[in-house]
Amino acid sequence: MATHVETAHISKGSLWTSYVLTGFSSLFLLLDGVMKLFKPRFVVEATTQLGYQESSIVPIGAVLAACTVLYLIPRTAVLGAILLTGYLGGAVATHVFARGGAFPILFPVIIGVVVWGGLYLRDTRLQTLIPLRQ
């Protein structure tokens, strides 16, 4: 069973777009995870205002950073995307529960779409599994 991502049938434009989408989303998610590991005041305040205890910030950051690293490794990118989808779904649920506005609720959805879009554009296995166009 081949585990590498086949790029033979992917256009140069799609490949570069995938790198931009992956880079943007990964940079944002890694920054968010690392900030939770270091716990600056604004992160602690924002997280506790959402109803989480301060003691949960570092584990949440570690999970986010680990999922993002899995997403960045080609062999585990699909697993990382699935785990990030779960994490981002939790972010949506948290903001709905905290009665956040439309932007805080939709932003994790947008990041999730960017994560999957970047992966979809560079992985022919996903394109075969989910044919968006005939």
Protein backbone atom coordinates (compact mmCIF):
# COMPACT_ATOMS: atom_id res chain seq x y z
CA MET A 1 0.00 0.00 0.00
CA ALA A 2 1.50 3.30 -1.07
CA THR A 3 1.52 5.91 1.67
CA HIS A 4 2.98 8.83 -0.22
CA VAL A 5 0.89 11.59 -1.69
CA GLU A 6 0.77 11.40 -5.46
CA THR A 7 1.29 14.77 -7.12
CA ALA A 8 1.52 13.56 -10.74
CA HIS A 9 -1.94 14.83 -11.74
CA ILE A 10 -1.98 18.04 -9.68
CA SER A 11 -1.41 21.33 -11.47
CA LYS A 12 1.31 23.67 -10.32
CA GLY A 13 -1.32 26.29 -9.43
CA SER A 14 -3.27 23.85 -7.26
CA LEU A 15 -0.10 22.72 -5.55
CA TRP A 16 0.98 26.28 -4.74
CA THR A 17 -2.51 27.19 -3.57
CA SER A 18 -2.47 24.16 -1.28
CA TYR A 19 0.86 25.27 0.17
CA VAL A 20 -0.51 28.76 0.85
CA LEU A 21 -3.70 27.43 2.47
CA THR A 22 -1.78 24.86 4.51
CA GLY A 23 0.84 27.41 5.54
CA PHE A 24 -1.74 30.00 6.58
CA SER A 25 -3.88 27.61 8.60
CA SER A 26 -0.92 25.78 10.14
CA LEU A 27 0.82 28.99 11.13
CA PHE A 28 -2.34 30.29 12.78
CA LEU A 29 -3.05 27.01 14.61
CA LEU A 30 0.56 26.54 15.75
CA LEU A 31 0.69 30.12 17.00
CA ASP A 32 -2.58 29.58 18.89
CA GLY A 33 -1.29 26.33 20.40
CA VAL A 34 2.08 27.77 21.42
CA MET A 35 0.41 30.83 22.94
CA LYS A 36 -1.68 28.51 25.09
CA LEU A 37 1.50 26.71 26.21
CA PHE A 38 3.10 29.97 27.36
CA LYS A 39 -0.15 31.40 28.80
CA PRO A 40 0.24 35.17 28.34
CA ARG A 41 -2.31 37.21 30.25
CA PHE A 42 -4.63 37.88 27.28
CA VAL A 43 -4.84 34.14 26.50
CA VAL A 44 -5.68 33.30 30.11
CA GLU A 45 -8.33 36.04 30.25
CA ALA A 46 -9.93 35.06 26.93
CA THR A 47 -9.98 31.37 27.78
CA THR A 48 -11.40 31.80 31.28
CA GLN A 49 -14.09 34.16 29.91
CA LEU A 50 -15.22 31.26 27.72
CA GLY A 51 -15.74 29.14 30.83
CA TYR A 52 -12.53 27.10 30.91
CA GLN A 53 -10.35 26.80 33.98
CA GLU A 54 -6.84 28.20 33.74
CA SER A 55 -5.41 24.74 34.41
CA SER A 56 -6.89 23.47 31.13
CA ILE A 57 -5.12 26.00 28.90
CA VAL A 58 -1.78 24.18 28.59
CA PRO A 59 -3.33 20.76 27.79
CA ILE A 60 -5.58 22.39 25.18
CA GLY A 61 -2.54 24.08 23.63
CA ALA A 62 -0.58 20.82 23.63
CA VAL A 63 -3.42 19.01 21.86
CA LEU A 64 -3.73 21.77 19.26
CA ALA A 65 0.01 21.87 18.61
CA ALA A 66 0.22 18.06 18.32
CA CYS A 67 -2.74 17.89 15.91
CA THR A 68 -1.23 20.65 13.79
CA VAL A 69 2.14 18.89 13.62
CA LEU A 70 0.35 15.70 12.53
CA TYR A 71 -1.36 17.75 9.81
CA LEU A 72 1.99 19.08 8.59
CA ILE A 73 3.56 15.62 8.19
CA PRO A 74 2.51 14.27 4.77
CA ARG A 75 2.11 10.69 6.00
CA THR A 76 -0.24 11.74 8.84
CA ALA A 77 -1.86 14.80 7.23
CA VAL A 78 -5.32 13.24 6.90
CA LEU A 79 -5.30 12.12 10.54
CA GLY A 80 -4.16 15.60 11.56
CA ALA A 81 -6.95 17.20 9.53
CA ILE A 82 -9.53 14.91 11.13
CA LEU A 83 -8.24 15.75 14.62
CA LEU A 84 -8.13 19.46 13.83
CA THR A 85 -11.72 19.24 12.63
CA GLY A 86 -12.71 17.86 16.03
CA TYR A 87 -10.74 20.57 17.81
CA LEU A 88 -12.31 23.31 15.69
CA GLY A 89 -15.76 21.81 16.23
CA GLY A 90 -15.14 22.16 19.95
CA ALA A 91 -14.20 25.79 19.39
CA VAL A 92 -17.48 26.37 17.56
CA ALA A 93 -19.42 24.67 20.36
CA THR A 94 -17.59 26.75 22.97
CA HIS A 95 -18.44 30.02 21.24
CA VAL A 96 -22.06 28.99 20.72
CA PHE A 97 -22.30 28.08 24.42
CA ALA A 98 -20.69 31.40 25.41
CA ARG A 99 -23.15 33.20 23.12
CA GLY A 100 -20.39 34.62 20.96
CA GLY A 101 -21.18 36.66 17.90
CA ALA A 102 -21.22 35.39 14.35
CA PHE A 103 -17.50 35.91 13.72
CA PRO A 104 -16.20 33.93 16.73
CA ILE A 105 -18.57 31.10 15.81
CA LEU A 106 -17.76 31.06 12.08
CA PHE A 107 -14.00 31.64 12.28
CA PRO A 108 -13.17 28.05 13.35
CA VAL A 109 -15.40 26.79 10.52
CA ILE A 110 -13.45 28.93 8.05
CA ILE A 111 -10.14 27.65 9.40
CA GLY A 112 -11.44 24.08 9.06
CA VAL A 113 -12.40 24.69 5.44
CA VAL A 114 -8.94 26.14 4.77
CA VAL A 115 -7.27 23.12 6.45
CA TRP A 116 -9.24 20.65 4.33
CA GLY A 117 -8.96 22.79 1.20
CA GLY A 118 -5.18 22.83 1.44
CA LEU A 119 -5.08 19.08 1.91
CA TYR A 120 -7.63 18.40 -0.83
CA LEU A 121 -5.71 20.40 -3.43
CA ARG A 122 -2.49 18.45 -2.91
CA ASP A 123 -3.75 14.93 -2.19
CA THR A 124 -5.15 12.98 -5.14
CA ARG A 125 -6.52 10.34 -2.76
CA LEU A 126 -8.92 12.91 -1.31
CA GLN A 127 -9.82 14.16 -4.76
CA THR A 128 -10.73 10.60 -5.73
CA LEU A 129 -12.67 10.04 -2.52
CA ILE A 130 -14.53 13.36 -2.76
CA PRO A 131 -14.92 14.33 -6.42
CA LEU A 132 -16.08 17.95 -6.30
CA ARG A 133 -16.20 18.15 -10.08
CA GLN A 134 -16.66 15.52 -12.75
